[in-house]
Amino acid sequence: MSFQDVGRTSRSGRSQATNRNAQYRPGTGPSIYATTNSSNATETSFSDESNKIYAQISDAILQYQKNVGLLENMNRQVGTDADGPVLETQFKVQVGVITELGAKIKKNLRSLEINMASMSRTEASRCRTTHIKLTRDFQGVETKFRKLDLDSKRKRDFIEAQQRDNDRRMNEQNEFNDESMHHQMLMQENRLAEEIMREREEEIRNINKGMHQVNEIYKDLAVIVGNQQDDIDTIEKTMEASKTSAEAGLAQVTKANQSTDSCVIS
């Protein structure tokens, strides 16, 4: 018999399981066990207080299982497209509810275990059997809850590790891009500086070439002047001789003119 049987019994009013010749009926009357032997009814019945507590525990375990089922569905969504801050918050809230409910169930189970000391041997034996089954069922669901909680933490840690790795890679990529961009800028600056230097060198070569051409022109002029110096000297001498001849001719003309004037007067 499991706690689901206890829960169904408390809701429907009919028992779903038997223990030897007794029928397990929590929450349906003043006693949990109703035997077929009426003479032993008093000996085999639970107290009303124990009956109520067991009914509460069985219902609490059913609710506990439902909450764990909800948590399991949430855990399946971790790491999927449905994951996000809302799911994470709901998961934490559900864990808190389950933890609180589990603590109450444990407290009630311990309370019943203490009450067994004041029961008769037969009643305590039967109560212990029910107590063990409820405890076993609760522990089974609790173990599932612990595994789900641990699995969720592992998933979250894995997702966070992946996110950190992605962030690290993104930072490295950004640093690489920045470094690459800086390197490209340096290369562009170097190319620009090289082009400027080449242009300056070209300008200097052009200036040197122009100066060389001017020097060649001066040399050519010097050669031409040197080659024409004799002709210039001859022309100069000819001009001086012409001047002398002109001056001598002018003197003779003047003298002849003076002679002509003297003849007319006489």
Protein backbone atom coordinates (compact mmCIF):
# COMPACT_ATOMS: atom_id res chain seq x y z
CA MET A 1 0.00 0.00 0.00
CA SER A 2 1.30 3.47 -0.86
CA PHE A 3 0.35 6.97 0.19
CA GLN A 4 -1.68 7.33 -3.03
CA ASP A 5 -4.05 4.67 -1.64
CA VAL A 6 -4.33 6.64 1.56
CA GLY A 7 -5.15 9.82 -0.35
CA ARG A 8 -7.73 8.14 -2.55
CA THR A 9 -9.36 6.61 0.54
CA SER A 10 -9.59 9.98 2.29
CA ARG A 11 -11.32 11.53 -0.75
CA SER A 12 -13.66 8.71 -1.75
CA GLY A 13 -14.49 7.28 1.65
CA ARG A 14 -13.54 3.75 0.53
CA SER A 15 -10.33 1.86 1.34
CA GLN A 16 -8.02 0.76 -1.53
CA ALA A 17 -5.69 -1.57 0.39
CA THR A 18 -5.86 -4.23 3.10
CA ASN A 19 -3.53 -5.31 5.82
CA ARG A 20 -4.09 -8.98 6.77
CA ASN A 21 -7.80 -9.06 7.76
CA ALA A 22 -7.96 -5.29 8.34
CA GLN A 23 -9.04 -2.57 5.93
CA TYR A 24 -6.88 0.61 5.68
CA ARG A 25 -9.28 3.60 5.79
CA PRO A 26 -7.63 6.91 6.76
CA GLY A 27 -9.83 9.95 7.07
CA THR A 28 -13.11 8.03 6.78
CA GLY A 29 -14.04 7.56 10.39
CA PRO A 30 -12.84 7.52 13.92
CA SER A 31 -10.42 4.67 13.24
CA ILE A 32 -7.96 3.77 10.49
CA TYR A 33 -8.47 0.01 10.68
CA ALA A 34 -11.87 -1.66 10.78
CA THR A 35 -11.49 -5.41 11.36
CA THR A 36 -13.92 -8.18 10.60
CA ASN A 37 -13.72 -9.35 14.22
CA SER A 38 -15.86 -6.97 16.23
CA SER A 39 -14.60 -8.34 19.54
CA ASN A 40 -11.10 -7.06 18.72
CA ALA A 41 -12.30 -3.73 17.31
CA THR A 42 -11.21 -1.75 20.32
CA GLU A 43 -7.78 -3.36 20.38
CA THR A 44 -7.05 -2.84 16.67
CA SER A 45 -8.42 0.68 16.19
CA PHE A 46 -6.33 3.83 16.13
CA SER A 47 -7.15 6.89 18.13
CA ASP A 48 -9.04 9.71 16.46
CA GLU A 49 -5.98 11.93 16.78
CA SER A 50 -3.70 9.43 15.06
CA ASN A 51 -6.35 8.84 12.39
CA LYS A 52 -6.52 12.56 11.59
CA ILE A 53 -2.76 12.92 11.51
CA TYR A 54 -2.34 9.96 9.15
CA ALA A 55 -5.03 11.36 6.86
CA GLN A 56 -3.26 14.71 6.86
CA ILE A 57 0.07 13.05 6.16
CA SER A 58 -1.32 11.00 3.28
CA ASP A 59 -2.87 14.13 1.71
CA ALA A 60 0.34 16.08 2.33
CA ILE A 61 2.41 13.38 0.63
CA LEU A 62 0.06 13.45 -2.37
CA GLN A 63 0.45 17.23 -2.58
CA TYR A 64 4.18 16.80 -2.09
CA GLN A 65 4.29 14.40 -5.05
CA LYS A 66 2.26 16.80 -7.22
CA ASN A 67 4.63 19.65 -6.45
CA VAL A 68 7.61 17.44 -7.22
CA GLY A 69 5.91 16.56 -10.54
CA LEU A 70 5.58 20.27 -11.33
CA LEU A 71 9.23 20.73 -10.43
CA GLU A 72 10.16 17.87 -12.75
CA ASN A 73 8.34 19.56 -15.64
CA MET A 74 10.17 22.80 -14.90
CA ASN A 75 13.49 20.97 -14.77
CA ARG A 76 12.86 19.58 -18.26
CA GLN A 77 12.58 23.14 -19.57
CA VAL A 78 15.94 24.23 -18.13
CA GLY A 79 18.34 24.94 -20.97
CA THR A 80 15.57 25.07 -23.60
CA ASP A 81 13.94 28.01 -25.39
CA ALA A 82 11.40 28.21 -22.56
CA ASP A 83 14.16 28.81 -20.03
CA GLY A 84 14.65 32.25 -18.58
CA PRO A 85 14.45 34.39 -15.43
CA VAL A 86 10.73 33.63 -14.99
CA LEU A 87 11.28 29.86 -15.05
CA GLU A 88 14.23 30.16 -12.70
CA THR A 89 12.15 32.19 -10.24
CA GLN A 90 9.24 29.74 -10.42
CA PHE A 91 11.63 26.85 -9.88
CA LYS A 92 13.07 28.48 -6.76
CA VAL A 93 9.59 29.22 -5.39
CA GLN A 94 8.51 25.61 -6.02
CA VAL A 95 11.63 24.32 -4.27
CA GLY A 96 10.79 26.49 -1.26
CA VAL A 97 7.20 25.21 -1.15
CA ILE A 98 8.31 21.58 -1.44
CA THR A 99 10.97 22.02 1.24
CA GLU A 100 8.48 23.59 3.64
CA LEU A 101 5.87 20.89 2.97
CA GLY A 102 8.45 18.14 3.41
CA ALA A 103 9.50 19.58 6.76
CA LYS A 104 5.88 19.47 7.97
CA ILE A 105 5.48 15.86 6.82
CA LYS A 106 8.66 14.84 8.64
CA LYS A 107 7.47 16.63 11.76
CA ASN A 108 4.13 14.79 11.71
CA LEU A 109 5.81 11.44 11.09
CA ARG A 110 8.11 12.02 14.07
CA SER A 111 5.12 13.07 16.19
CA LEU A 112 3.29 9.83 15.36
CA GLU A 113 6.40 7.81 16.05
CA ILE A 114 6.58 9.36 19.51
CA ASN A 115 2.87 8.68 20.11
CA MET A 116 3.41 4.97 19.42
CA ALA A 117 5.05 4.67 22.82
CA SER A 118 1.68 5.33 24.51
CA MET A 119 -0.27 2.89 22.33
CA SER A 120 -1.04 -0.74 23.02
CA ARG A 121 1.27 -3.31 21.50
CA THR A 122 -1.23 -4.36 18.79
CA GLU A 123 -2.20 -0.80 17.96
CA ALA A 124 1.44 0.32 17.95
CA SER A 125 2.37 -2.58 15.66
CA ARG A 126 -0.30 -1.75 13.13
CA CYS A 127 0.43 1.96 13.42
CA ARG A 128 4.12 1.24 12.86
CA THR A 129 3.28 -0.69 9.69
CA THR A 130 1.34 2.27 8.30
CA HIS A 131 4.00 4.65 9.54
CA ILE A 132 6.76 2.70 7.78
CA LYS A 133 4.85 2.62 4.50
CA LEU A 134 4.07 6.33 4.58
CA THR A 135 7.66 7.11 5.54
CA ARG A 136 8.96 4.92 2.74
CA ASP A 137 6.66 6.57 0.19
CA PHE A 138 7.58 10.03 1.43
CA GLN A 139 11.29 9.25 1.31
CA GLY A 140 10.91 7.94 -2.25
CA VAL A 141 9.35 11.22 -3.41
CA GLU A 142 11.84 13.20 -1.32
CA THR A 143 14.73 11.36 -2.98
CA LYS A 144 13.27 12.23 -6.37
CA PHE A 145 13.00 15.86 -5.26
CA ARG A 146 16.63 15.91 -4.12
CA LYS A 147 17.75 14.42 -7.43
CA LEU A 148 15.70 16.98 -9.37
CA ASP A 149 17.11 19.84 -7.33
CA LEU A 150 20.66 18.55 -7.79
CA ASP A 151 20.10 17.94 -11.51
CA SER A 152 18.73 21.47 -11.91
CA LYS A 153 21.77 22.94 -10.13
CA ARG A 154 24.07 20.93 -12.39
CA LYS A 155 22.22 22.17 -15.45
CA ARG A 156 22.39 25.76 -14.20
CA ASP A 157 26.09 25.39 -13.45
CA PHE A 158 26.65 23.94 -16.92
CA ILE A 159 24.66 26.75 -18.55
CA GLU A 160 26.55 29.36 -16.52
CA ALA A 161 29.85 27.71 -17.45
CA GLN A 162 28.81 27.77 -21.10
CA GLN A 163 27.80 31.41 -20.77
CA ARG A 164 31.12 32.28 -19.15
CA ASP A 165 32.93 30.38 -21.89
CA ASN A 166 30.90 32.18 -24.55
CA ASP A 167 31.60 35.52 -22.86
CA ARG A 168 35.29 34.67 -22.69
CA ARG A 169 35.32 33.71 -26.35
CA MET A 170 33.38 36.84 -27.21
CA ASN A 171 35.85 38.95 -25.26
CA GLU A 172 38.75 37.19 -26.92
CA GLN A 173 37.10 37.71 -30.31
CA ASN A 174 36.53 41.38 -29.50
CA GLU A 175 40.11 41.73 -28.33
CA PHE A 176 41.27 39.96 -31.46
CA ASN A 177 39.10 42.24 -33.58
CA ASP A 178 40.42 45.30 -31.74
CA GLU A 179 43.97 44.06 -32.11
CA SER A 180 43.37 43.21 -35.75
CA MET A 181 41.83 46.63 -36.35
CA HIS A 182 44.72 48.29 -34.55
CA HIS A 183 47.15 46.23 -36.61
CA GLN A 184 45.34 47.22 -39.79
CA MET A 185 45.44 50.87 -38.76
CA LEU A 186 49.16 50.58 -38.10
CA MET A 187 49.64 48.93 -41.48
CA GLN A 188 47.66 51.71 -43.15
CA GLU A 189 49.70 54.33 -41.31
CA ASN A 190 52.91 52.56 -42.33
CA ARG A 191 51.75 52.35 -45.95
CA LEU A 192 50.82 56.03 -45.88
CA ALA A 193 54.20 56.93 -44.37
CA GLU A 194 55.95 54.82 -47.02
CA GLU A 195 53.96 56.51 -49.78
CA ILE A 196 54.87 59.93 -48.37
CA MET A 197 58.53 58.91 -48.18
CA ARG A 198 58.41 57.60 -51.75
CA GLU A 199 56.80 60.84 -52.92
CA ARG A 200 59.49 62.85 -51.13
CA GLU A 201 62.21 60.68 -52.59
CA GLU A 202 60.66 61.13 -56.02
CA GLU A 203 60.54 64.89 -55.53
CA ILE A 204 64.18 64.92 -54.37
CA ARG A 205 65.18 62.82 -57.39
CA ASN A 206 63.30 65.22 -59.66
CA ILE A 207 65.02 68.20 -58.05
CA ASN A 208 68.42 66.52 -58.40
CA LYS A 209 67.61 65.66 -61.99
CA GLY A 210 66.62 69.28 -62.67
CA MET A 211 69.78 70.57 -61.05
CA HIS A 212 71.81 68.10 -63.12
CA GLN A 213 70.08 69.32 -66.27
CA VAL A 214 70.77 72.96 -65.33
CA ASN A 215 74.39 72.04 -64.69
CA GLU A 216 74.61 70.37 -68.10
CA ILE A 217 73.11 73.48 -69.71
CA TYR A 218 75.72 75.68 -68.04
CA LYS A 219 78.42 73.32 -69.23
CA ASP A 220 77.05 73.37 -72.76
CA LEU A 221 76.88 77.16 -72.65
CA ALA A 222 80.47 77.29 -71.43
CA VAL A 223 81.55 75.04 -74.32
CA ILE A 224 79.61 77.14 -76.82
CA VAL A 225 81.03 80.35 -75.41
CA GLY A 226 84.52 78.84 -75.48
CA ASN A 227 84.11 77.71 -79.07
CA GLN A 228 82.85 81.18 -80.18
CA GLN A 229 85.46 83.19 -78.33
CA ASP A 230 87.81 83.34 -81.35
CA ASP A 231 85.02 84.59 -83.57
CA ILE A 232 84.12 87.16 -80.95
CA ASP A 233 87.72 88.26 -80.70
CA THR A 234 87.93 88.55 -84.53
CA ILE A 235 84.71 90.53 -84.59
CA GLU A 236 86.06 92.78 -81.84
CA LYS A 237 89.28 93.35 -83.75
CA THR A 238 87.36 93.97 -86.95
CA MET A 239 85.13 96.46 -85.14
CA GLU A 240 88.18 98.23 -83.70
CA ALA A 241 89.82 98.34 -87.16
CA SER A 242 86.60 99.65 -88.64
CA LYS A 243 86.48 102.31 -85.96
CA THR A 244 90.04 103.32 -86.68
CA SER A 245 89.37 103.44 -90.42
CA ALA A 246 86.20 105.43 -89.82
CA GLU A 247 88.02 107.91 -87.65
CA ALA A 248 90.81 108.22 -90.30
CA GLY A 249 88.26 108.70 -93.05
CA LEU A 250 86.43 111.32 -90.99
CA ALA A 251 89.70 113.17 -90.45
CA GLN A 252 90.45 113.17 -94.17
CA VAL A 253 86.93 114.33 -94.98
CA THR A 254 87.28 117.14 -92.45
CA LYS A 255 90.64 118.09 -93.83
CA ALA A 256 89.32 117.99 -97.39
CA ASN A 257 86.42 120.12 -96.36
CA GLN A 258 88.69 122.66 -94.81
CA SER A 259 90.82 122.71 -97.96
CA THR A 260 87.72 123.34 -100.11
CA ASP A 261 86.64 126.23 -97.95
CA SER A 262 90.09 127.90 -98.30
CA CYS A 263 89.99 127.71 -102.07
CA VAL A 264 86.59 129.40 -102.34
CA ILE A 265 87.59 132.36 -100.17
CA SER A 266 90.72 133.22 -102.23
